[in-house]
Amino acid sequence: MDSGSTPSKVPAVTLGFWIIKIAATTLGETGGDTVTMTMNLGYLTGTVIFLSVLVLLVALQIAAKKFHPSLYWATIVASTTAGTTAADFADRSLGIGYTGGSSVLFLCVVAVLGLWYWSEGTVSVATVSTPKVEAFYWATITFSQTLGTALGDWMADTSGLGYAGGALVFAAALAVVTAAYFWTDVSRVLLFWAAFILTRPLGATVGDFLDKPVSNGGLALSRPMASTVIAVLMIVCILLIPQRAGTHPGATSVPTR
């Protein structure tokens, strides 16, 4: 590690990071649906449960002195399950609809990123090493996870592509972002957040494809079973894929690209 760098509280962005992130977003969809639909607790109750867990885990994450893989990924899963239930509550129970919900949540993501940039001069995850920046980071993640659920449902239902078709669209969009990373000079920070947001609707559509009824274009797999299998796979990935903290380059050379 460079002597002018300090550890970040979030993992370095590697291929392993994206593999685990996609698994987490898929688990968030099947896990959220397990509580709200299979257990029949409803969207509001599910949202209260997962938001409570999320608040607790974010507090623990901010209080931690260094990066802890298990705590970080548990917080990510909590954010994605909370995003699933919150988006479903807004879209279905409140009647906002997928298009309206996606639009509102997109504006929320842009607003938080704008406030973060205005406050810190960058929205790079490499700078997540203070409580203030962590608060911006987790707020952005929570809104982006919720946006991803609404966007995934919009693509699968409103557009008529179905769950498999929606998953292919988001996978193709991620491929475009990946190509831009390797072969263009587009801002790396912008590409990170684009990829981060896109992995959520990809996971949402894959999760729905696994557990929705066959008549709706799904495979009708058991939600609890699917959630358990995905959780086990995710834990194995966390244990086997090297996890290390990102680095903060210091106030004199904060990256904006």
Protein backbone atom coordinates (compact mmCIF):
# COMPACT_ATOMS: atom_id res chain seq x y z
CA MET A 1 0.00 0.00 0.00
CA ASP A 2 1.24 3.47 -0.82
CA SER A 3 2.37 5.47 2.20
CA GLY A 4 0.03 8.26 1.20
CA SER A 5 -2.99 5.96 1.14
CA THR A 6 -5.38 4.98 3.91
CA PRO A 7 -7.69 1.95 3.91
CA SER A 8 -11.21 2.36 2.62
CA LYS A 9 -14.14 0.81 4.47
CA VAL A 10 -15.41 -0.86 1.29
CA PRO A 11 -13.83 -3.60 -0.86
CA ALA A 12 -11.58 -3.01 -3.82
CA VAL A 13 -13.55 -3.14 -7.07
CA THR A 14 -12.45 -6.38 -8.70
CA LEU A 15 -14.10 -9.11 -10.78
CA GLY A 16 -14.81 -10.92 -7.51
CA PHE A 17 -16.64 -7.85 -6.22
CA TRP A 18 -19.03 -7.90 -9.18
CA ILE A 19 -19.65 -11.64 -8.92
CA ILE A 20 -20.65 -11.33 -5.27
CA LYS A 21 -22.65 -8.15 -5.96
CA ILE A 22 -24.80 -9.86 -8.60
CA ALA A 23 -25.37 -12.82 -6.26
CA ALA A 24 -26.37 -10.38 -3.50
CA THR A 25 -28.87 -8.55 -5.72
CA THR A 26 -30.45 -11.84 -6.82
CA LEU A 27 -30.69 -12.94 -3.18
CA GLY A 28 -32.29 -9.60 -2.32
CA GLU A 29 -35.08 -10.25 -4.80
CA THR A 30 -35.85 -13.84 -3.79
CA GLY A 31 -35.31 -13.09 -0.09
CA GLY A 32 -37.56 -10.03 -0.13
CA ASP A 33 -40.28 -11.92 -1.99
CA THR A 34 -39.98 -14.79 0.48
CA VAL A 35 -40.88 -12.50 3.37
CA THR A 36 -43.55 -10.40 1.64
CA MET A 37 -45.20 -13.06 -0.54
CA THR A 38 -44.37 -16.60 0.62
CA MET A 39 -44.62 -15.69 4.32
CA ASN A 40 -47.46 -13.31 3.41
CA LEU A 41 -46.25 -10.50 5.67
CA GLY A 42 -46.93 -7.85 3.05
CA TYR A 43 -44.76 -5.17 1.49
CA LEU A 44 -45.03 -2.64 4.32
CA THR A 45 -44.09 -5.11 7.05
CA GLY A 46 -41.27 -6.51 4.94
CA THR A 47 -39.96 -3.00 4.31
CA VAL A 48 -40.01 -2.15 8.03
CA ILE A 49 -38.17 -5.38 8.87
CA PHE A 50 -35.43 -5.01 6.28
CA LEU A 51 -34.97 -1.26 6.74
CA SER A 52 -34.52 -1.85 10.48
CA VAL A 53 -31.87 -4.47 9.80
CA LEU A 54 -30.24 -2.17 7.23
CA VAL A 55 -30.05 0.78 9.64
CA LEU A 56 -28.44 -1.44 12.28
CA LEU A 57 -25.89 -2.88 9.87
CA VAL A 58 -25.01 0.53 8.40
CA ALA A 59 -24.42 1.81 11.93
CA LEU A 60 -22.11 -1.15 12.62
CA GLN A 61 -20.36 -0.63 9.29
CA ILE A 62 -19.71 3.05 10.05
CA ALA A 63 -18.57 2.24 13.61
CA ALA A 64 -16.12 -0.41 12.38
CA LYS A 65 -12.48 0.64 12.31
CA LYS A 66 -11.65 -1.25 9.12
CA PHE A 67 -13.14 -3.21 6.26
CA HIS A 68 -14.86 -6.46 7.30
CA PRO A 69 -16.05 -8.56 4.31
CA SER A 70 -18.86 -10.36 6.16
CA LEU A 71 -20.25 -7.12 7.63
CA TYR A 72 -20.00 -5.27 4.32
CA TRP A 73 -21.79 -7.93 2.29
CA ALA A 74 -24.43 -8.45 4.98
CA THR A 75 -25.16 -4.72 4.69
CA ILE A 76 -25.34 -4.99 0.91
CA VAL A 77 -27.84 -7.87 1.18
CA ALA A 78 -29.90 -5.87 3.67
CA SER A 79 -29.94 -2.90 1.29
CA THR A 80 -31.04 -5.02 -1.64
CA THR A 81 -33.81 -6.83 0.28
CA ALA A 82 -35.00 -3.51 1.70
CA GLY A 83 -34.88 -2.12 -1.83
CA THR A 84 -37.00 -5.01 -3.09
CA THR A 85 -39.75 -4.60 -0.51
CA ALA A 86 -39.71 -0.78 -0.57
CA ALA A 87 -39.99 -0.65 -4.36
CA ASP A 88 -42.79 -3.22 -4.37
CA PHE A 89 -44.62 -1.26 -1.66
CA ALA A 90 -44.36 1.98 -3.62
CA ASP A 91 -45.15 0.45 -7.00
CA ARG A 92 -48.00 -1.83 -5.96
CA SER A 93 -49.41 -0.84 -2.57
CA LEU A 94 -49.20 2.92 -3.12
CA GLY A 95 -50.09 2.59 -6.79
CA ILE A 96 -47.21 4.69 -8.11
CA GLY A 97 -46.53 2.10 -10.79
CA TYR A 98 -43.25 0.86 -12.23
CA THR A 99 -42.68 3.85 -14.50
CA GLY A 100 -43.44 6.42 -11.80
CA GLY A 101 -41.46 4.53 -9.18
CA SER A 102 -38.43 4.17 -11.44
CA SER A 103 -38.51 7.88 -12.31
CA VAL A 104 -38.77 9.06 -8.70
CA LEU A 105 -36.03 6.69 -7.51
CA PHE A 106 -33.70 7.68 -10.35
CA LEU A 107 -34.07 11.32 -9.28
CA CYS A 108 -33.30 10.27 -5.68
CA VAL A 109 -30.08 8.53 -6.78
CA VAL A 110 -29.02 11.57 -8.82
CA ALA A 111 -29.84 13.90 -5.92
CA VAL A 112 -27.77 11.93 -3.39
CA LEU A 113 -24.84 11.66 -5.77
CA GLY A 114 -25.13 15.39 -6.45
CA LEU A 115 -25.07 16.22 -2.74
CA TRP A 116 -22.14 13.86 -2.24
CA TYR A 117 -20.16 15.50 -5.06
CA TRP A 118 -21.06 19.00 -3.84
CA SER A 119 -19.84 18.11 -0.36
CA GLU A 120 -16.70 16.12 -1.20
CA GLY A 121 -15.74 17.03 -4.76
CA THR A 122 -15.92 13.38 -5.83
CA VAL A 123 -18.25 10.37 -5.61
CA SER A 124 -15.44 7.84 -5.94
CA VAL A 125 -15.83 4.78 -3.71
CA ALA A 126 -12.08 4.93 -3.12
CA THR A 127 -12.75 7.79 -0.69
CA VAL A 128 -15.18 5.89 1.56
CA SER A 129 -13.12 6.13 4.75
CA THR A 130 -15.00 8.63 6.96
CA PRO A 131 -18.47 8.47 8.56
CA LYS A 132 -19.76 11.35 6.43
CA VAL A 133 -18.71 9.77 3.14
CA GLU A 134 -19.97 6.37 4.32
CA ALA A 135 -23.38 7.92 4.95
CA PHE A 136 -23.46 9.24 1.38
CA TYR A 137 -22.25 5.86 0.09
CA TRP A 138 -24.93 3.79 1.84
CA ALA A 139 -27.69 6.28 1.01
CA THR A 140 -26.72 6.06 -2.66
CA ILE A 141 -26.58 2.28 -2.52
CA THR A 142 -29.99 1.98 -0.84
CA PHE A 143 -31.68 4.24 -3.38
CA SER A 144 -29.92 2.48 -6.26
CA GLN A 145 -31.00 -0.94 -4.97
CA THR A 146 -34.59 0.26 -4.73
CA LEU A 147 -34.37 1.83 -8.19
CA GLY A 148 -33.03 -1.45 -9.56
CA THR A 149 -36.06 -3.38 -8.33
CA ALA A 150 -38.51 -0.92 -9.87
CA LEU A 151 -36.50 -0.77 -13.09
CA GLY A 152 -36.33 -4.55 -13.32
CA ASP A 153 -40.08 -4.88 -12.81
CA TRP A 154 -40.70 -2.14 -15.38
CA MET A 155 -38.52 -3.87 -17.96
CA ALA A 156 -40.05 -7.30 -17.32
CA ASP A 157 -43.71 -6.26 -17.06
CA THR A 158 -44.39 -2.86 -18.64
CA SER A 159 -42.08 -3.37 -21.61
CA GLY A 160 -43.41 -6.87 -22.20
CA LEU A 161 -39.96 -8.47 -22.43
CA GLY A 162 -40.53 -10.81 -19.52
CA TYR A 163 -38.01 -11.76 -16.84
CA ALA A 164 -35.56 -13.61 -19.11
CA GLY A 165 -35.75 -10.86 -21.74
CA GLY A 166 -35.23 -8.17 -19.10
CA ALA A 167 -32.21 -10.01 -17.69
CA LEU A 168 -30.67 -10.19 -21.18
CA VAL A 169 -31.20 -6.44 -21.70
CA PHE A 170 -29.47 -5.56 -18.43
CA ALA A 171 -26.68 -8.07 -19.08
CA ALA A 172 -26.13 -6.44 -22.49
CA ALA A 173 -26.06 -2.99 -20.87
CA LEU A 174 -23.42 -4.23 -18.41
CA ALA A 175 -21.41 -5.58 -21.34
CA VAL A 176 -21.48 -2.10 -22.90
CA VAL A 177 -20.26 -0.56 -19.62
CA THR A 178 -17.49 -3.16 -19.44
CA ALA A 179 -16.41 -2.39 -23.00
CA ALA A 180 -16.38 1.32 -22.17
CA TYR A 181 -14.14 0.58 -19.19
CA PHE A 182 -11.54 -1.29 -21.24
CA TRP A 183 -11.61 0.66 -24.49
CA THR A 184 -12.59 4.24 -23.71
CA ASP A 185 -11.56 7.06 -21.39
CA VAL A 186 -15.03 7.52 -19.91
CA SER A 187 -14.89 8.44 -16.20
CA ARG A 188 -14.22 5.33 -14.12
CA VAL A 189 -16.38 6.75 -11.34
CA LEU A 190 -19.31 7.17 -13.73
CA LEU A 191 -18.83 3.66 -15.10
CA PHE A 192 -18.70 2.20 -11.58
CA TRP A 193 -22.02 3.71 -10.58
CA ALA A 194 -23.59 2.76 -13.92
CA ALA A 195 -22.49 -0.84 -13.40
CA PHE A 196 -23.51 -0.81 -9.75
CA ILE A 197 -27.02 0.35 -10.62
CA LEU A 198 -27.38 -2.06 -13.54
CA THR A 199 -26.41 -5.13 -11.51
CA ARG A 200 -29.48 -4.58 -9.33
CA PRO A 201 -32.18 -4.89 -12.04
CA LEU A 202 -30.16 -7.78 -13.50
CA GLY A 203 -30.37 -9.57 -10.15
CA ALA A 204 -34.03 -8.58 -9.78
CA THR A 205 -35.04 -10.04 -13.13
CA VAL A 206 -32.97 -13.19 -12.60
CA GLY A 207 -34.51 -13.63 -9.15
CA ASP A 208 -38.02 -13.15 -10.52
CA PHE A 209 -37.28 -15.56 -13.37
CA LEU A 210 -36.36 -18.19 -10.79
CA ASP A 211 -39.37 -17.87 -8.50
CA LYS A 212 -42.30 -16.41 -10.46
CA PRO A 213 -45.07 -18.73 -11.75
CA VAL A 214 -44.56 -20.45 -15.10
CA SER A 215 -47.67 -18.66 -16.37
CA ASN A 216 -45.88 -15.36 -15.77
CA GLY A 217 -42.69 -16.43 -17.49
CA GLY A 218 -40.83 -17.75 -14.44
CA LEU A 219 -39.56 -21.17 -13.35
CA ALA A 220 -41.80 -21.34 -10.24
CA LEU A 221 -38.95 -22.46 -7.97
CA SER A 222 -39.43 -22.30 -4.22
CA ARG A 223 -38.48 -18.81 -3.00
CA PRO A 224 -37.04 -20.03 0.32
CA MET A 225 -35.06 -22.76 -1.44
CA ALA A 226 -33.77 -20.40 -4.14
CA SER A 227 -32.79 -17.87 -1.46
CA THR A 228 -30.97 -20.53 0.55
CA VAL A 229 -29.02 -21.80 -2.46
CA ILE A 230 -28.03 -18.28 -3.55
CA ALA A 231 -27.04 -17.37 0.03
CA VAL A 232 -24.81 -20.46 0.28
CA LEU A 233 -23.19 -19.69 -3.07
CA MET A 234 -22.61 -16.11 -1.98
CA ILE A 235 -21.00 -17.17 1.29
CA VAL A 236 -18.73 -19.59 -0.57
CA CYS A 237 -17.70 -16.79 -2.93
CA ILE A 238 -16.95 -14.46 -0.01
CA LEU A 239 -14.79 -17.14 1.62
CA LEU A 240 -12.95 -18.21 -1.54
CA ILE A 241 -12.58 -14.94 -3.48
CA PRO A 242 -9.85 -12.72 -1.99
CA GLN A 243 -11.38 -9.73 -0.20
CA ARG A 244 -9.34 -6.60 0.44
CA ALA A 245 -10.16 -3.02 1.25
CA GLY A 246 -9.87 -0.35 -1.39
CA THR A 247 -7.51 2.55 -0.70
CA HIS A 248 -8.10 6.25 -0.19
CA PRO A 249 -5.44 8.24 -2.08
CA GLY A 250 -5.53 11.14 0.33
CA ALA A 251 -7.01 14.61 0.23
CA THR A 252 -4.33 15.98 -2.07
CA SER A 253 -5.09 13.60 -4.93
CA VAL A 254 -8.72 12.55 -4.69
CA PRO A 255 -9.68 10.90 -7.99
CA THR A 256 -12.56 12.32 -9.96
CA ARG A 257 -12.17 9.81 -12.81
